[in-house]
Amino acid sequence: MKPTSSITLPADAIRAFLTALIQRAQQSAHPGSPPLWIAGYPCGAVFPAAARALTDLPGVEVSPGALHIGKLLLPGEGLDLLLATVAQTLRAAGCAPGWRDEVLDVWAGADAQQTWIGRIERGVMRPLGLLTRAVHLNAWSASGQLWVARRALSKATDPGMWDTLVGGLIGSQEPPELALVRETDEEAGLEESEIASRTELHAITRMKRRIPEGFQVEDVLTCECVLPDHITPANRDGEVMEIKRLPPEIVWQMLQEGAFTVEASIVIAEDLLRRSAS
């Protein structure tokens, strides 16, 4: 099914809201966070507690101006082994609250020239201030209502807050479209064929914000689809406590009240703006 038609919402107000959200998500790292270099590449910013935990680890050099991991190593098995040791050290020090036994890619370099240099446990991405990439799906009903999901209370970040129907990080060496299909199955119980009419993934912004365990640097990618009325999403991975289908007017009100995560607010507001301005 094609995307639903335009909606009647205040485009100027949504535009101002989205602009403010994106600006709010452009923060610097926590004070005292040394820049992170891996294999000679600039990669992130280390949360002060994580920097202290890594001070005496072989292969790590800590100075007031920077923290180097594998300074003389090249991307490859040796660097990945050191990164795994770094992750375990942070876990032992209590600096990896979101440990998942799941690896993500480590990216370095300027925005336009990202360089893949290795992989590391997902749970230490924020403490090290490493770039992550997230895919989101806004799913609309044929009647023009938006499916949204409420995060489980067990989630390490933003427990109990409302979210897009589907949202998750891209795994190591995983194509974005494959990540979207995987997350859609896990979080909404939908088959790939049921979202086949989705729009192409597109990037909205790169978020940079301080969170309790470190620094979130994340590329936000999103797309949308329309679900026939006979299809009802259902969570499969236990990370969602509730799924609802809501009118856009209610969603807009909830956005203004701060009921959604920052990422979801950006993704949903961008979609609402396109629809209200069309």
C-alpha atoms as a PDB file:
ATOM      1  CA  MET A   1       0.000   0.000   0.000  1.00  0.00           C
ATOM      2  CA  LYS A   2       1.171   3.536  -0.704  1.00  0.00           C
ATOM      3  CA  PRO A   3       1.777   6.026   2.123  1.00  0.00           C
ATOM      4  CA  THR A   4      -1.347   7.645   3.497  1.00  0.00           C
ATOM      5  CA  SER A   5      -2.459  11.087   2.412  1.00  0.00           C
ATOM      6  CA  SER A   6      -1.611  14.371   4.098  1.00  0.00           C
ATOM      7  CA  ILE A   7      -2.849  15.206   7.584  1.00  0.00           C
ATOM      8  CA  THR A   8      -4.212  18.370   9.129  1.00  0.00           C
ATOM      9  CA  LEU A   9      -1.615  19.535  11.641  1.00  0.00           C
ATOM     10  CA  PRO A  10       0.212  22.872  12.097  1.00  0.00           C
ATOM     11  CA  ALA A  11       3.212  22.537   9.768  1.00  0.00           C
ATOM     12  CA  ASP A  12       4.991  25.625  11.117  1.00  0.00           C
ATOM     13  CA  ALA A  13       4.691  24.414  14.710  1.00  0.00           C
ATOM     14  CA  ILE A  14       5.939  20.933  13.801  1.00  0.00           C
ATOM     15  CA  ARG A  15       8.850  22.412  11.847  1.00  0.00           C
ATOM     16  CA  ALA A  16       9.870  24.565  14.824  1.00  0.00           C
ATOM     17  CA  PHE A  17       9.488  21.575  17.150  1.00  0.00           C
ATOM     18  CA  LEU A  18      11.670  19.369  14.913  1.00  0.00           C
ATOM     19  CA  THR A  19      14.322  22.057  14.558  1.00  0.00           C
ATOM     20  CA  ALA A  20      14.483  22.487  18.321  1.00  0.00           C
ATOM     21  CA  LEU A  21      14.724  18.715  18.820  1.00  0.00           C
ATOM     22  CA  ILE A  22      17.622  18.358  16.405  1.00  0.00           C
ATOM     23  CA  GLN A  23      19.412  21.298  18.003  1.00  0.00           C
ATOM     24  CA  ARG A  24      18.861  19.757  21.429  1.00  0.00           C
ATOM     25  CA  ALA A  25      20.502  16.576  20.173  1.00  0.00           C
ATOM     26  CA  GLN A  26      23.711  18.380  19.181  1.00  0.00           C
ATOM     27  CA  GLN A  27      25.624  18.344  22.447  1.00  0.00           C
ATOM     28  CA  SER A  28      29.270  18.012  23.334  1.00  0.00           C
ATOM     29  CA  ALA A  29      30.615  15.068  25.333  1.00  0.00           C
ATOM     30  CA  HIS A  30      30.592  15.088  29.132  1.00  0.00           C
ATOM     31  CA  PRO A  31      33.221  17.386  30.687  1.00  0.00           C
ATOM     32  CA  GLY A  32      36.470  15.509  31.217  1.00  0.00           C
ATOM     33  CA  SER A  33      35.848  13.055  28.356  1.00  0.00           C
ATOM     34  CA  PRO A  34      39.142  12.590  26.468  1.00  0.00           C
ATOM     35  CA  PRO A  35      38.963  12.201  22.674  1.00  0.00           C
ATOM     36  CA  LEU A  36      39.220   8.553  21.630  1.00  0.00           C
ATOM     37  CA  TRP A  37      41.657   7.355  18.976  1.00  0.00           C
ATOM     38  CA  ILE A  38      41.647   3.753  17.743  1.00  0.00           C
ATOM     39  CA  ALA A  39      44.446   2.445  15.507  1.00  0.00           C
ATOM     40  CA  GLY A  40      45.419   6.039  14.846  1.00  0.00           C
ATOM     41  CA  TYR A  41      41.920   7.163  13.836  1.00  0.00           C
ATOM     42  CA  PRO A  42      39.710   9.666  15.715  1.00  0.00           C
ATOM     43  CA  CYS A  43      36.647   7.722  16.807  1.00  0.00           C
ATOM     44  CA  GLY A  44      34.820   9.071  19.838  1.00  0.00           C
ATOM     45  CA  ALA A  45      34.953  10.570  23.322  1.00  0.00           C
ATOM     46  CA  VAL A  46      35.493   8.411  26.406  1.00  0.00           C
ATOM     47  CA  PHE A  47      33.245   8.831  29.447  1.00  0.00           C
ATOM     48  CA  PRO A  48      35.508   9.824  32.384  1.00  0.00           C
ATOM     49  CA  ALA A  49      34.688   6.702  34.437  1.00  0.00           C
ATOM     50  CA  ALA A  50      35.471   4.504  31.410  1.00  0.00           C
ATOM     51  CA  ALA A  51      38.757   6.326  30.841  1.00  0.00           C
ATOM     52  CA  ARG A  52      39.793   5.646  34.428  1.00  0.00           C
ATOM     53  CA  ALA A  53      38.916   1.950  34.052  1.00  0.00           C
ATOM     54  CA  LEU A  54      41.198   1.637  31.021  1.00  0.00           C
ATOM     55  CA  THR A  55      44.201   3.487  32.447  1.00  0.00           C
ATOM     56  CA  ASP A  56      46.448   0.474  33.099  1.00  0.00           C
ATOM     57  CA  LEU A  57      45.248  -1.794  30.287  1.00  0.00           C
ATOM     58  CA  PRO A  58      48.008  -2.985  27.897  1.00  0.00           C
ATOM     59  CA  GLY A  59      47.484  -1.551  24.446  1.00  0.00           C
ATOM     60  CA  VAL A  60      45.798   1.553  25.838  1.00  0.00           C
ATOM     61  CA  GLU A  61      47.508   4.903  26.325  1.00  0.00           C
ATOM     62  CA  VAL A  62      45.798   7.550  28.437  1.00  0.00           C
ATOM     63  CA  SER A  63      46.892  11.172  28.501  1.00  0.00           C
ATOM     64  CA  PRO A  64      45.120  14.402  29.453  1.00  0.00           C
ATOM     65  CA  GLY A  65      44.558  15.174  25.788  1.00  0.00           C
ATOM     66  CA  ALA A  66      43.447  11.792  24.400  1.00  0.00           C
ATOM     67  CA  LEU A  67      42.943   8.078  24.953  1.00  0.00           C
ATOM     68  CA  HIS A  68      44.555   5.774  22.385  1.00  0.00           C
ATOM     69  CA  ILE A  69      43.547   2.155  21.807  1.00  0.00           C
ATOM     70  CA  GLY A  70      45.870   0.060  19.626  1.00  0.00           C
ATOM     71  CA  LYS A  71      47.923   3.047  18.573  1.00  0.00           C
ATOM     72  CA  LEU A  72      50.354   0.911  16.550  1.00  0.00           C
ATOM     73  CA  LEU A  73      47.836  -1.666  15.308  1.00  0.00           C
ATOM     74  CA  LEU A  74      46.114  -1.914  11.952  1.00  0.00           C
ATOM     75  CA  PRO A  75      42.462  -2.913  11.522  1.00  0.00           C
ATOM     76  CA  GLY A  76      42.225  -6.676  11.758  1.00  0.00           C
ATOM     77  CA  GLU A  77      42.206  -9.583  14.174  1.00  0.00           C
ATOM     78  CA  GLY A  78      44.722  -8.083  16.585  1.00  0.00           C
ATOM     79  CA  LEU A  79      42.777  -4.863  16.949  1.00  0.00           C
ATOM     80  CA  ASP A  80      39.481  -6.715  17.344  1.00  0.00           C
ATOM     81  CA  LEU A  81      41.002  -8.814  20.147  1.00  0.00           C
ATOM     82  CA  LEU A  82      42.179  -5.662  21.917  1.00  0.00           C
ATOM     83  CA  LEU A  83      38.751  -4.069  21.491  1.00  0.00           C
ATOM     84  CA  ALA A  84      37.181  -7.183  23.017  1.00  0.00           C
ATOM     85  CA  THR A  85      39.533  -6.873  25.992  1.00  0.00           C
ATOM     86  CA  VAL A  86      38.639  -3.191  26.331  1.00  0.00           C
ATOM     87  CA  ALA A  87      34.956  -4.120  26.369  1.00  0.00           C
ATOM     88  CA  GLN A  88      35.413  -6.808  29.032  1.00  0.00           C
ATOM     89  CA  THR A  89      37.472  -4.407  31.149  1.00  0.00           C
ATOM     90  CA  LEU A  90      34.711  -1.806  31.013  1.00  0.00           C
ATOM     91  CA  ARG A  91      32.128  -4.430  31.876  1.00  0.00           C
ATOM     92  CA  ALA A  92      34.117  -5.558  34.913  1.00  0.00           C
ATOM     93  CA  ALA A  93      34.387  -1.930  36.032  1.00  0.00           C
ATOM     94  CA  GLY A  94      30.618  -1.420  35.816  1.00  0.00           C
ATOM     95  CA  CYS A  95      30.930   0.896  32.819  1.00  0.00           C
ATOM     96  CA  ALA A  96      28.861  -1.178  30.369  1.00  0.00           C
ATOM     97  CA  PRO A  97      25.272  -1.248  31.691  1.00  0.00           C
ATOM     98  CA  GLY A  98      23.805  -2.148  28.306  1.00  0.00           C
ATOM     99  CA  TRP A  99      25.883  -5.300  27.669  1.00  0.00           C
ATOM    100  CA  ARG A 100      24.253  -7.414  24.951  1.00  0.00           C
ATOM    101  CA  ASP A 101      26.809 -10.000  23.709  1.00  0.00           C
ATOM    102  CA  GLU A 102      26.355  -8.335  20.325  1.00  0.00           C
ATOM    103  CA  VAL A 103      29.025  -6.578  18.274  1.00  0.00           C
ATOM    104  CA  LEU A 104      28.692  -3.375  16.258  1.00  0.00           C
ATOM    105  CA  ASP A 105      31.014  -1.768  13.750  1.00  0.00           C
ATOM    106  CA  VAL A 106      33.612   0.780  14.822  1.00  0.00           C
ATOM    107  CA  TRP A 107      33.721   3.738  12.446  1.00  0.00           C
ATOM    108  CA  ALA A 108      36.282   6.515  12.257  1.00  0.00           C
ATOM    109  CA  GLY A 109      37.031   9.637  10.275  1.00  0.00           C
ATOM    110  CA  ALA A 110      35.092  12.622   9.010  1.00  0.00           C
ATOM    111  CA  ASP A 111      31.356  12.400   8.290  1.00  0.00           C
ATOM    112  CA  ALA A 112      31.851  12.213   4.533  1.00  0.00           C
ATOM    113  CA  GLN A 113      34.737   9.736   4.728  1.00  0.00           C
ATOM    114  CA  GLN A 114      33.776   7.145   7.305  1.00  0.00           C
ATOM    115  CA  THR A 115      36.331   4.347   7.657  1.00  0.00           C
ATOM    116  CA  TRP A 116      35.481   0.922   9.057  1.00  0.00           C
ATOM    117  CA  ILE A 117      38.202  -0.192  11.453  1.00  0.00           C
ATOM    118  CA  GLY A 118      36.775  -3.046  13.514  1.00  0.00           C
ATOM    119  CA  ARG A 119      34.003  -4.252  15.787  1.00  0.00           C
ATOM    120  CA  ILE A 120      33.224  -4.089  19.483  1.00  0.00           C
ATOM    121  CA  GLU A 121      30.535  -5.063  21.999  1.00  0.00           C
ATOM    122  CA  ARG A 122      27.395  -2.969  21.698  1.00  0.00           C
ATOM    123  CA  GLY A 123      27.278  -2.246  25.418  1.00  0.00           C
ATOM    124  CA  VAL A 124      30.419  -0.081  25.329  1.00  0.00           C
ATOM    125  CA  MET A 125      29.529   2.099  22.359  1.00  0.00           C
ATOM    126  CA  ARG A 126      28.141   4.869  24.571  1.00  0.00           C
ATOM    127  CA  PRO A 127      30.910   4.802  27.205  1.00  0.00           C
ATOM    128  CA  LEU A 128      33.420   5.185  24.355  1.00  0.00           C
ATOM    129  CA  GLY A 129      31.310   7.695  22.432  1.00  0.00           C
ATOM    130  CA  LEU A 130      31.433   5.585  19.270  1.00  0.00           C
ATOM    131  CA  LEU A 131      29.172   6.152  16.286  1.00  0.00           C
ATOM    132  CA  THR A 132      26.123   3.909  15.964  1.00  0.00           C
ATOM    133  CA  ARG A 133      23.542   3.747  13.188  1.00  0.00           C
ATOM    134  CA  ALA A 134      19.846   3.201  13.878  1.00  0.00           C
ATOM    135  CA  VAL A 135      16.968   2.285  11.564  1.00  0.00           C
ATOM    136  CA  HIS A 136      13.360   3.260  12.283  1.00  0.00           C
ATOM    137  CA  LEU A 137      10.022   2.394  10.732  1.00  0.00           C
ATOM    138  CA  ASN A 138       6.923   4.567  10.987  1.00  0.00           C
ATOM    139  CA  ALA A 139       3.979   2.275  10.274  1.00  0.00           C
ATOM    140  CA  TRP A 140       0.635   3.869   9.433  1.00  0.00           C
ATOM    141  CA  SER A 141      -2.769   2.257   9.224  1.00  0.00           C
ATOM    142  CA  ALA A 142      -4.868   2.512   6.084  1.00  0.00           C
ATOM    143  CA  SER A 143      -7.127   4.956   7.930  1.00  0.00           C
ATOM    144  CA  GLY A 144      -4.227   7.309   8.719  1.00  0.00           C
ATOM    145  CA  GLN A 145      -3.332   6.363  12.290  1.00  0.00           C
ATOM    146  CA  LEU A 146       0.229   5.741  13.471  1.00  0.00           C
ATOM    147  CA  TRP A 147       1.411   2.566  15.178  1.00  0.00           C
ATOM    148  CA  VAL A 148       3.674   3.346  18.143  1.00  0.00           C
ATOM    149  CA  ALA A 149       5.373   1.169  20.759  1.00  0.00           C
ATOM    150  CA  ARG A 150       6.112   1.693  24.450  1.00  0.00           C
ATOM    151  CA  ARG A 151       9.541   0.555  25.585  1.00  0.00           C
ATOM    152  CA  ALA A 152       9.771  -2.142  28.257  1.00  0.00           C
ATOM    153  CA  LEU A 153      10.695  -1.062  31.771  1.00  0.00           C
ATOM    154  CA  SER A 154      13.730  -3.361  31.541  1.00  0.00           C
ATOM    155  CA  LYS A 155      15.327  -1.257  28.774  1.00  0.00           C
ATOM    156  CA  ALA A 156      18.630   0.317  29.819  1.00  0.00           C
ATOM    157  CA  THR A 157      17.825   3.564  28.008  1.00  0.00           C
ATOM    158  CA  ASP A 158      14.496   5.434  28.202  1.00  0.00           C
ATOM    159  CA  PRO A 159      12.494   2.644  29.896  1.00  0.00           C
ATOM    160  CA  GLY A 160       8.723   3.043  29.671  1.00  0.00           C
ATOM    161  CA  MET A 161       8.846   5.819  27.076  1.00  0.00           C
ATOM    162  CA  TRP A 162       7.006   5.740  23.775  1.00  0.00           C
ATOM    163  CA  ASP A 163       8.918   4.946  20.598  1.00  0.00           C
ATOM    164  CA  THR A 164       8.491   4.345  16.890  1.00  0.00           C
ATOM    165  CA  LEU A 165       6.945   0.981  16.093  1.00  0.00           C
ATOM    166  CA  VAL A 166      10.364  -0.276  14.995  1.00  0.00           C
ATOM    167  CA  GLY A 167      13.730   1.140  15.938  1.00  0.00           C
ATOM    168  CA  GLY A 168      17.086  -0.542  16.415  1.00  0.00           C
ATOM    169  CA  LEU A 169      20.797  -0.454  15.775  1.00  0.00           C
ATOM    170  CA  ILE A 170      22.498  -1.796  12.668  1.00  0.00           C
ATOM    171  CA  GLY A 171      24.705  -4.763  13.531  1.00  0.00           C
ATOM    172  CA  SER A 172      28.292  -5.365  12.478  1.00  0.00           C
ATOM    173  CA  GLN A 173      28.647  -5.585   8.686  1.00  0.00           C
ATOM    174  CA  GLU A 174      24.842  -5.587   8.372  1.00  0.00           C
ATOM    175  CA  PRO A 175      23.183  -3.749   5.460  1.00  0.00           C
ATOM    176  CA  PRO A 176      20.701  -1.129   6.748  1.00  0.00           C
ATOM    177  CA  GLU A 177      17.753  -2.689   4.913  1.00  0.00           C
ATOM    178  CA  LEU A 178      18.504  -6.084   6.436  1.00  0.00           C
ATOM    179  CA  ALA A 179      18.701  -4.490   9.880  1.00  0.00           C
ATOM    180  CA  LEU A 180      15.285  -2.918   9.327  1.00  0.00           C
ATOM    181  CA  VAL A 181      13.740  -6.247   8.320  1.00  0.00           C
ATOM    182  CA  ARG A 182      15.318  -7.980  11.323  1.00  0.00           C
ATOM    183  CA  GLU A 183      14.188  -5.312  13.785  1.00  0.00           C
ATOM    184  CA  THR A 184      10.693  -5.293  12.290  1.00  0.00           C
ATOM    185  CA  ASP A 185      10.396  -9.026  12.886  1.00  0.00           C
ATOM    186  CA  GLU A 186      11.733  -8.821  16.448  1.00  0.00           C
ATOM    187  CA  GLU A 187       9.929  -5.709  17.624  1.00  0.00           C
ATOM    188  CA  ALA A 188       6.666  -5.797  15.681  1.00  0.00           C
ATOM    189  CA  GLY A 189       6.274  -9.400  14.558  1.00  0.00           C
ATOM    190  CA  LEU A 190       5.912  -8.354  10.927  1.00  0.00           C
ATOM    191  CA  GLU A 191       7.204 -10.309   7.956  1.00  0.00           C
ATOM    192  CA  GLU A 192       9.280  -8.654   5.254  1.00  0.00           C
ATOM    193  CA  SER A 193       6.427  -9.083   2.790  1.00  0.00           C
ATOM    194  CA  GLU A 194       4.121  -7.079   5.072  1.00  0.00           C
ATOM    195  CA  ILE A 195       6.371  -3.999   4.845  1.00  0.00           C
ATOM    196  CA  ALA A 196       7.354  -4.474   1.202  1.00  0.00           C
ATOM    197  CA  SER A 197       5.694  -1.185   0.215  1.00  0.00           C
ATOM    198  CA  ARG A 198       7.902   0.848   2.574  1.00  0.00           C
ATOM    199  CA  THR A 199       9.720   3.931   1.378  1.00  0.00           C
ATOM    200  CA  GLU A 200      13.498   3.946   1.057  1.00  0.00           C
ATOM    201  CA  LEU A 201      15.561   4.533   4.176  1.00  0.00           C
ATOM    202  CA  HIS A 202      16.828   8.083   4.449  1.00  0.00           C
ATOM    203  CA  ALA A 203      18.975   9.840   7.048  1.00  0.00           C
ATOM    204  CA  ILE A 204      17.491  12.642   9.146  1.00  0.00           C
ATOM    205  CA  THR A 205      20.337  13.691  11.412  1.00  0.00           C
ATOM    206  CA  ARG A 206      23.342  12.596  13.452  1.00  0.00           C
ATOM    207  CA  MET A 207      22.449  12.833  17.119  1.00  0.00           C
ATOM    208  CA  LYS A 208      25.076  13.771  19.686  1.00  0.00           C
ATOM    209  CA  ARG A 209      23.869  13.821  23.254  1.00  0.00           C
ATOM    210  CA  ARG A 210      24.990  13.103  26.774  1.00  0.00           C
ATOM    211  CA  ILE A 211      23.380  10.102  28.427  1.00  0.00           C
ATOM    212  CA  PRO A 212      24.037   8.647  31.895  1.00  0.00           C
ATOM    213  CA  GLU A 213      26.548   6.027  30.736  1.00  0.00           C
ATOM    214  CA  GLY A 214      28.372   8.123  28.171  1.00  0.00           C
ATOM    215  CA  PHE A 215      27.914   9.890  24.870  1.00  0.00           C
ATOM    216  CA  GLN A 216      25.405   8.865  22.197  1.00  0.00           C
ATOM    217  CA  VAL A 217      26.552   9.571  18.644  1.00  0.00           C
ATOM    218  CA  GLU A 218      23.990   8.102  16.287  1.00  0.00           C
ATOM    219  CA  ASP A 219      22.942   8.370  12.660  1.00  0.00           C
ATOM    220  CA  VAL A 220      19.137   8.243  12.475  1.00  0.00           C
ATOM    221  CA  LEU A 221      17.694   6.527   9.391  1.00  0.00           C
ATOM    222  CA  THR A 222      13.981   6.125   8.792  1.00  0.00           C
ATOM    223  CA  CYS A 223      11.300   4.969   6.381  1.00  0.00           C
ATOM    224  CA  GLU A 224       7.540   4.451   6.448  1.00  0.00           C
ATOM    225  CA  CYS A 225       4.899   2.016   5.332  1.00  0.00           C
ATOM    226  CA  VAL A 226       1.154   1.503   5.502  1.00  0.00           C
ATOM    227  CA  LEU A 227      -0.211  -1.648   7.118  1.00  0.00           C
ATOM    228  CA  PRO A 228      -3.558  -3.060   6.025  1.00  0.00           C
ATOM    229  CA  ASP A 229      -6.172  -3.001   8.771  1.00  0.00           C
ATOM    230  CA  HIS A 230      -6.116  -6.791   9.165  1.00  0.00           C
ATOM    231  CA  ILE A 231      -2.471  -6.703  10.292  1.00  0.00           C
ATOM    232  CA  THR A 232      -1.759  -6.029  13.969  1.00  0.00           C
ATOM    233  CA  PRO A 233       1.880  -5.686  15.086  1.00  0.00           C
ATOM    234  CA  ALA A 234       2.943  -7.795  18.067  1.00  0.00           C
ATOM    235  CA  ASN A 235       6.273  -7.680  19.873  1.00  0.00           C
ATOM    236  CA  ARG A 236       8.439 -10.811  19.921  1.00  0.00           C
ATOM    237  CA  ASP A 237      11.652  -9.891  21.752  1.00  0.00           C
ATOM    238  CA  GLY A 238      10.246  -8.656  25.079  1.00  0.00           C
ATOM    239  CA  GLU A 239      11.627  -5.135  24.627  1.00  0.00           C
ATOM    240  CA  VAL A 240       8.193  -3.578  24.109  1.00  0.00           C
ATOM    241  CA  MET A 241       5.466  -3.463  26.732  1.00  0.00           C
ATOM    242  CA  GLU A 242       2.646  -2.018  24.647  1.00  0.00           C
ATOM    243  CA  ILE A 243       1.751  -1.245  21.023  1.00  0.00           C
ATOM    244  CA  LYS A 244      -0.994   1.201  20.075  1.00  0.00           C
ATOM    245  CA  ARG A 245      -2.501   2.719  16.956  1.00  0.00           C
ATOM    246  CA  LEU A 246      -3.106   6.432  17.511  1.00  0.00           C
ATOM    247  CA  PRO A 247      -4.516   9.368  15.510  1.00  0.00           C
ATOM    248  CA  PRO A 248      -1.827  11.847  14.391  1.00  0.00           C
ATOM    249  CA  GLU A 249      -3.390  14.575  16.533  1.00  0.00           C
ATOM    250  CA  ILE A 250      -2.845  12.471  19.664  1.00  0.00           C
ATOM    251  CA  VAL A 251       0.697  11.612  18.585  1.00  0.00           C
ATOM    252  CA  TRP A 252       1.465  15.308  18.076  1.00  0.00           C
ATOM    253  CA  GLN A 253       0.125  16.095  21.549  1.00  0.00           C
ATOM    254  CA  MET A 254       2.239  13.314  23.085  1.00  0.00           C
ATOM    255  CA  LEU A 255       5.318  14.594  21.277  1.00  0.00           C
ATOM    256  CA  GLN A 256       4.845  18.027  22.793  1.00  0.00           C
ATOM    257  CA  GLU A 257       4.387  16.485  26.235  1.00  0.00           C
ATOM    258  CA  GLY A 258       7.707  14.613  25.960  1.00  0.00           C
ATOM    259  CA  ALA A 259       6.176  11.143  25.986  1.00  0.00           C
ATOM    260  CA  PHE A 260       8.479   9.837  23.236  1.00  0.00           C
ATOM    261  CA  THR A 261      12.222   9.251  23.247  1.00  0.00           C
ATOM    262  CA  VAL A 262      14.319  11.934  21.596  1.00  0.00           C
ATOM    263  CA  GLU A 263      15.110   9.672  18.628  1.00  0.00           C
ATOM    264  CA  ALA A 264      11.471   8.706  18.134  1.00  0.00           C
ATOM    265  CA  SER A 265      10.369  12.318  18.492  1.00  0.00           C
ATOM    266  CA  ILE A 266      12.720  13.348  15.694  1.00  0.00           C
ATOM    267  CA  VAL A 267      11.644  10.492  13.415  1.00  0.00           C
ATOM    268  CA  ILE A 268       7.919  10.965  14.004  1.00  0.00           C
ATOM    269  CA  ALA A 269       8.010  14.770  13.839  1.00  0.00           C
ATOM    270  CA  GLU A 270       9.869  14.590  10.517  1.00  0.00           C
ATOM    271  CA  ASP A 271       7.158  12.303   9.146  1.00  0.00           C
ATOM    272  CA  LEU A 272       4.330  14.454  10.504  1.00  0.00           C
ATOM    273  CA  LEU A 273       5.926  17.533   8.966  1.00  0.00           C
ATOM    274  CA  ARG A 274       6.141  15.973   5.520  1.00  0.00           C
ATOM    275  CA  ARG A 275       2.517  14.918   5.714  1.00  0.00           C
ATOM    276  CA  SER A 276       1.191  18.179   7.104  1.00  0.00           C
ATOM    277  CA  ALA A 277       3.101  20.197   4.507  1.00  0.00           C
ATOM    278  CA  SER A 278       2.041  18.089   1.523  1.00  0.00           C
END
